[in-house]
């Protein structure tokens, strides 16, 4: 009986910790992980939030989508300092404050809220 209870507790611990573990690419800043955990703690949005890694001109940026309709989507640097809103808003064209990237911008989805 004691072995069964211990086995059940071990299984529940594995399941609980695996649900809370984020599988992000190595090198993802802690502040990005913290922002994602804050999103997970809030009610699910519609459409679900996505986080994209943008690589441009030798730098990495993190693009967070916003919930529906006329809201900006935000781009952050490695320190989670807001860079700009590349798109969204009433015009769909963002805030007009983004840098002009000289090379190709490589975009990779690194997380999406699957709730």
C-alpha atoms as a PDB file:
ATOM      1  CA  UNK A   1       0.000   0.000   0.000  1.00  0.00           C
ATOM      2  CA  UNK A   2       2.776   2.409   0.974  1.00  0.00           C
ATOM      3  CA  UNK A   3       4.609   1.651  -2.305  1.00  0.00           C
ATOM      4  CA  UNK A   4       1.445   2.375  -4.313  1.00  0.00           C
ATOM      5  CA  UNK A   5       0.981   5.739  -2.624  1.00  0.00           C
ATOM      6  CA  UNK A   6       4.630   6.668  -3.216  1.00  0.00           C
ATOM      7  CA  UNK A   7       4.353   5.616  -6.864  1.00  0.00           C
ATOM      8  CA  UNK A   8       1.213   7.702  -7.291  1.00  0.00           C
ATOM      9  CA  UNK A   9       2.869  10.728  -5.685  1.00  0.00           C
ATOM     10  CA  UNK A  10       5.917  10.338  -7.938  1.00  0.00           C
ATOM     11  CA  UNK A  11       3.687  10.142 -11.033  1.00  0.00           C
ATOM     12  CA  UNK A  12       1.695  13.208  -9.989  1.00  0.00           C
ATOM     13  CA  UNK A  13       4.914  15.140  -9.356  1.00  0.00           C
ATOM     14  CA  UNK A  14       6.219  14.273 -12.831  1.00  0.00           C
ATOM     15  CA  UNK A  15       2.941  15.245 -14.474  1.00  0.00           C
ATOM     16  CA  UNK A  16       2.666  18.515 -12.540  1.00  0.00           C
ATOM     17  CA  UNK A  17       6.230  19.626 -13.223  1.00  0.00           C
ATOM     18  CA  UNK A  18       6.097  18.676 -16.908  1.00  0.00           C
ATOM     19  CA  UNK A  19       2.998  20.832 -17.387  1.00  0.00           C
ATOM     20  CA  UNK A  20       4.778  23.856 -15.933  1.00  0.00           C
ATOM     21  CA  UNK A  21       8.050  23.362 -17.807  1.00  0.00           C
ATOM     22  CA  UNK A  22       8.515  25.652 -20.770  1.00  0.00           C
ATOM     23  CA  UNK A  23      10.317  24.179 -23.733  1.00  0.00           C
ATOM     24  CA  UNK A  24      12.002  27.255 -25.154  1.00  0.00           C
ATOM     25  CA  UNK A  25      15.124  27.401 -27.310  1.00  0.00           C
ATOM     26  CA  UNK A  26      18.379  27.551 -25.378  1.00  0.00           C
ATOM     27  CA  UNK A  27      19.507  31.101 -24.881  1.00  0.00           C
ATOM     28  CA  UNK A  28      15.988  32.450 -24.427  1.00  0.00           C
ATOM     29  CA  UNK A  29      16.263  35.249 -21.845  1.00  0.00           C
ATOM     30  CA  UNK A  30      14.740  34.683 -18.401  1.00  0.00           C
ATOM     31  CA  UNK A  31      12.636  37.809 -18.796  1.00  0.00           C
ATOM     32  CA  UNK A  32      10.926  36.272 -21.865  1.00  0.00           C
ATOM     33  CA  UNK A  33      10.209  33.120 -19.868  1.00  0.00           C
ATOM     34  CA  UNK A  34       8.799  35.301 -17.076  1.00  0.00           C
ATOM     35  CA  UNK A  35       6.497  37.124 -19.529  1.00  0.00           C
ATOM     36  CA  UNK A  36       5.264  33.772 -20.850  1.00  0.00           C
ATOM     37  CA  UNK A  37       4.551  32.536 -17.306  1.00  0.00           C
ATOM     38  CA  UNK A  38       2.561  35.722 -16.661  1.00  0.00           C
ATOM     39  CA  UNK A  39       0.514  34.985 -19.784  1.00  0.00           C
ATOM     40  CA  UNK A  40      -0.086  31.427 -18.552  1.00  0.00           C
ATOM     41  CA  UNK A  41      -1.282  32.741 -15.175  1.00  0.00           C
ATOM     42  CA  UNK A  42      -3.889  34.976 -16.844  1.00  0.00           C
ATOM     43  CA  UNK A  43      -7.080  33.772 -18.523  1.00  0.00           C
ATOM     44  CA  UNK A  44      -6.554  32.443 -22.038  1.00  0.00           C
ATOM     45  CA  UNK A  45      -6.803  35.049 -24.776  1.00  0.00           C
ATOM     46  CA  UNK A  46      -8.569  34.817 -28.109  1.00  0.00           C
ATOM     47  CA  UNK A  47      -6.710  34.366 -30.349  1.00  0.00           C
ATOM     48  CA  UNK A  48      -4.105  32.514 -28.277  1.00  0.00           C
ATOM     49  CA  UNK A  49      -0.861  34.357 -27.599  1.00  0.00           C
ATOM     50  CA  UNK A  50       2.209  33.439 -29.639  1.00  0.00           C
ATOM     51  CA  UNK A  51       5.851  34.333 -29.048  1.00  0.00           C
ATOM     52  CA  UNK A  52       8.216  34.511 -31.988  1.00  0.00           C
ATOM     53  CA  UNK A  53      11.992  34.819 -32.040  1.00  0.00           C
ATOM     54  CA  UNK A  54      13.103  37.339 -34.648  1.00  0.00           C
ATOM     55  CA  UNK A  55      16.747  37.359 -35.687  1.00  0.00           C
ATOM     56  CA  UNK A  56      17.811  40.442 -37.616  1.00  0.00           C
ATOM     57  CA  UNK A  57      21.035  42.335 -38.167  1.00  0.00           C
ATOM     58  CA  UNK A  58      22.912  40.168 -35.643  1.00  0.00           C
ATOM     59  CA  UNK A  59      20.391  40.709 -32.834  1.00  0.00           C
ATOM     60  CA  UNK A  60      17.548  38.693 -31.350  1.00  0.00           C
ATOM     61  CA  UNK A  61      14.099  40.098 -30.653  1.00  0.00           C
ATOM     62  CA  UNK A  62      10.939  38.587 -29.163  1.00  0.00           C
ATOM     63  CA  UNK A  63       7.574  39.297 -30.780  1.00  0.00           C
ATOM     64  CA  UNK A  64       4.471  38.809 -28.600  1.00  0.00           C
ATOM     65  CA  UNK A  65       1.037  38.720 -30.186  1.00  0.00           C
ATOM     66  CA  UNK A  66      -1.842  40.444 -28.426  1.00  0.00           C
ATOM     67  CA  UNK A  67      -5.470  39.433 -28.006  1.00  0.00           C
ATOM     68  CA  UNK A  68      -7.999  40.284 -30.655  1.00  0.00           C
ATOM     69  CA  UNK A  69      -8.753  43.378 -32.451  1.00  0.00           C
ATOM     70  CA  UNK A  70      -6.938  46.649 -32.900  1.00  0.00           C
ATOM     71  CA  UNK A  71      -4.250  45.997 -30.297  1.00  0.00           C
ATOM     72  CA  UNK A  72      -0.541  46.344 -30.953  1.00  0.00           C
ATOM     73  CA  UNK A  73       1.709  43.284 -31.124  1.00  0.00           C
ATOM     74  CA  UNK A  74       4.962  44.043 -29.305  1.00  0.00           C
ATOM     75  CA  UNK A  75       8.635  43.473 -30.081  1.00  0.00           C
ATOM     76  CA  UNK A  76      11.141  43.262 -27.206  1.00  0.00           C
ATOM     77  CA  UNK A  77      14.931  43.026 -27.111  1.00  0.00           C
ATOM     78  CA  UNK A  78      16.969  40.473 -25.106  1.00  0.00           C
ATOM     79  CA  UNK A  79      16.418  42.502 -21.923  1.00  0.00           C
ATOM     80  CA  UNK A  80      12.652  42.660 -22.476  1.00  0.00           C
ATOM     81  CA  UNK A  81      12.884  46.352 -23.207  1.00  0.00           C
ATOM     82  CA  UNK A  82      10.058  47.328 -25.523  1.00  0.00           C
ATOM     83  CA  UNK A  83      11.461  48.140 -28.965  1.00  0.00           C
ATOM     84  CA  UNK A  84       8.266  48.854 -30.873  1.00  0.00           C
ATOM     85  CA  UNK A  85       4.914  47.569 -32.101  1.00  0.00           C
ATOM     86  CA  UNK A  86       5.602  46.250 -35.615  1.00  0.00           C
ATOM     87  CA  UNK A  87       1.932  45.756 -36.412  1.00  0.00           C
ATOM     88  CA  UNK A  88      -1.566  45.864 -35.002  1.00  0.00           C
ATOM     89  CA  UNK A  89      -3.479  48.861 -33.764  1.00  0.00           C
ATOM     90  CA  UNK A  90      -6.305  50.597 -35.645  1.00  0.00           C
ATOM     91  CA  UNK A  91      -4.311  50.838 -38.884  1.00  0.00           C
ATOM     92  CA  UNK A  92      -2.684  47.422 -38.576  1.00  0.00           C
ATOM     93  CA  UNK A  93       0.693  49.076 -39.214  1.00  0.00           C
ATOM     94  CA  UNK A  94       1.939  49.249 -35.624  1.00  0.00           C
ATOM     95  CA  UNK A  95       3.375  52.312 -33.928  1.00  0.00           C
ATOM     96  CA  UNK A  96       5.858  53.285 -36.651  1.00  0.00           C
ATOM     97  CA  UNK A  97       8.805  53.153 -34.222  1.00  0.00           C
ATOM     98  CA  UNK A  98      10.502  49.933 -35.351  1.00  0.00           C
ATOM     99  CA  UNK A  99      14.078  49.955 -36.608  1.00  0.00           C
ATOM    100  CA  UNK A 100      14.625  49.474 -40.320  1.00  0.00           C
ATOM    101  CA  UNK A 101      16.282  46.067 -40.491  1.00  0.00           C
ATOM    102  CA  UNK A 102      18.876  45.944 -43.265  1.00  0.00           C
ATOM    103  CA  UNK A 103      18.927  42.186 -43.775  1.00  0.00           C
ATOM    104  CA  UNK A 104      16.399  39.412 -43.818  1.00  0.00           C
ATOM    105  CA  UNK A 105      14.405  38.925 -40.609  1.00  0.00           C
ATOM    106  CA  UNK A 106      14.328  35.248 -39.618  1.00  0.00           C
ATOM    107  CA  UNK A 107      11.143  34.490 -37.662  1.00  0.00           C
ATOM    108  CA  UNK A 108      10.667  31.334 -35.587  1.00  0.00           C
ATOM    109  CA  UNK A 109       7.661  30.452 -33.418  1.00  0.00           C
ATOM    110  CA  UNK A 110       9.056  29.535 -29.990  1.00  0.00           C
ATOM    111  CA  UNK A 111       5.872  29.327 -27.891  1.00  0.00           C
ATOM    112  CA  UNK A 112       2.105  29.392 -28.256  1.00  0.00           C
ATOM    113  CA  UNK A 113      -0.610  29.264 -25.652  1.00  0.00           C
ATOM    114  CA  UNK A 114      -2.422  25.986 -26.330  1.00  0.00           C
ATOM    115  CA  UNK A 115      -5.142  26.406 -23.739  1.00  0.00           C
END
